[in-house]
Protein backbone atom coordinates (compact mmCIF):
# COMPACT_ATOMS: atom_id res chain seq x y z
CA MET A 1 112.57 -125.05 -51.90
CA LYS A 2 116.18 -124.57 -50.34
CA ILE A 3 117.09 -123.78 -53.99
CA LEU A 4 114.46 -121.06 -54.42
CA LYS A 5 115.47 -119.48 -50.87
CA TRP A 6 119.24 -118.80 -52.31
CA VAL A 7 118.26 -118.01 -55.90
CA ILE A 8 116.17 -114.96 -55.43
CA PRO A 9 118.29 -113.07 -52.76
CA SER A 10 121.41 -113.76 -54.68
CA ILE A 11 119.68 -112.10 -57.74
CA PHE A 12 118.66 -109.17 -55.60
CA LEU A 13 122.27 -108.55 -54.62
CA ILE A 14 123.44 -109.15 -57.98
CA ILE A 15 121.06 -106.19 -59.02
CA THR A 16 121.97 -103.96 -56.48
CA PHE A 17 125.83 -104.79 -56.85
CA TRP A 18 125.23 -103.97 -60.62
CA TYR A 19 123.82 -100.79 -60.11
CA ALA A 20 126.37 -99.47 -57.35
CA ILE A 21 129.13 -100.03 -59.69
CA ASP A 22 127.63 -98.25 -62.58
CA LEU A 23 127.09 -95.29 -60.27
CA ILE A 24 130.42 -95.29 -59.06
CA ARG A 25 132.13 -95.35 -62.99
CA TYR A 26 129.59 -93.18 -64.39
CA SER A 27 128.96 -90.53 -61.81
CA ASP A 28 131.29 -88.31 -63.50
CA PHE A 29 129.14 -88.01 -66.66
CA ASP A 30 127.33 -84.09 -66.59
CA GLU A 31 124.16 -84.97 -67.98
CA LYS A 32 121.47 -87.51 -68.32
CA LYS A 33 119.20 -87.47 -71.63
CA LEU A 34 117.13 -88.29 -74.33
CA ILE A 35 117.93 -88.70 -77.68
CA SER A 36 115.63 -86.40 -80.04
CA GLU A 37 117.86 -87.10 -82.85
CA VAL A 38 120.99 -88.02 -84.50
CA ASN A 39 122.50 -86.34 -87.05
CA GLY A 40 126.25 -87.47 -88.24
CA ASP A 41 128.35 -86.13 -85.19
CA ILE A 42 125.88 -84.04 -83.31
CA LEU A 43 123.36 -85.13 -81.23
CA VAL A 44 120.47 -83.49 -80.03
CA LEU A 45 119.56 -83.88 -76.43
CA SER A 46 116.16 -83.45 -74.82
CA GLU A 47 115.41 -84.05 -70.72
CA LEU A 48 113.73 -86.51 -69.67
CA ARG A 49 111.57 -85.49 -67.11
CA ILE A 50 109.17 -82.89 -68.44
CA ASP A 51 107.47 -80.55 -66.20
CA PRO A 52 103.96 -79.78 -68.09
CA GLU A 53 104.57 -75.80 -66.99
CA ALA A 54 107.92 -75.17 -67.99
CA SER A 55 109.85 -74.70 -70.98
CA TYR A 56 113.36 -76.23 -71.91
CA LYS A 57 115.79 -76.15 -74.71
CA GLU A 58 117.33 -79.10 -76.00
CA LEU A 59 121.19 -79.18 -76.16
CA GLU A 60 123.14 -80.01 -79.32
CA VAL A 61 126.70 -82.03 -78.75
CA GLU A 62 129.21 -82.62 -81.10
CA ILE A 63 131.15 -86.22 -80.52
CA THR A 64 134.48 -85.69 -80.55
CA GLY A 65 137.37 -87.81 -79.29
CA GLU A 66 137.02 -86.93 -75.56
CA THR A 67 133.00 -87.04 -75.52
CA LYS A 68 131.87 -90.28 -73.48
CA ILE A 69 128.26 -91.51 -73.99
CA THR A 70 126.67 -94.39 -72.36
CA GLY A 71 123.39 -95.43 -71.79
CA LEU A 72 121.44 -96.13 -68.55
CA GLY A 73 120.83 -99.40 -66.93
CA LEU A 74 121.31 -102.21 -68.90
CA ASN A 75 121.94 -100.11 -71.97
CA THR A 76 124.90 -99.85 -70.90
CA LEU A 77 126.07 -102.94 -72.34
CA PHE A 78 124.79 -102.04 -76.02
CA VAL A 79 126.11 -98.67 -76.33
CA ASN A 80 129.79 -98.89 -77.43
CA SER A 81 129.68 -96.23 -80.33
CA ILE A 82 128.16 -93.11 -81.65
CA ASP A 83 126.53 -96.06 -84.19
CA ASP A 84 124.85 -97.32 -81.55
CA LEU A 85 122.99 -94.35 -80.65
CA LYS A 86 119.26 -94.23 -81.48
CA HIS A 87 116.09 -91.75 -81.31
CA GLY A 88 114.70 -92.13 -78.27
CA GLN A 89 117.16 -93.73 -76.12
CA LYS A 90 117.90 -92.45 -72.54
CA VAL A 91 122.07 -91.49 -72.44
CA ARG A 92 124.55 -89.94 -69.99
CA VAL A 93 126.89 -87.83 -71.44
């Protein structure tokens, strides 16, 4: 029972610490988007949250050496290159 009293708060602190570091590391990104399409070196991105009454324009991003793309949350561990990007994935650009 004593172990359980320490494990649960420890897990909560680790998760909180992870997201705090994630926020500090990636606060310089311009957009958080959803990948609509991957065509070679061009990504087509759409909005994460969509208002049914509004219209949105999809954003085309050409990937160069200066383009930084990471996943959101735990997906940051699995996005290392353009080959890791898939349709429907949430990313920061």
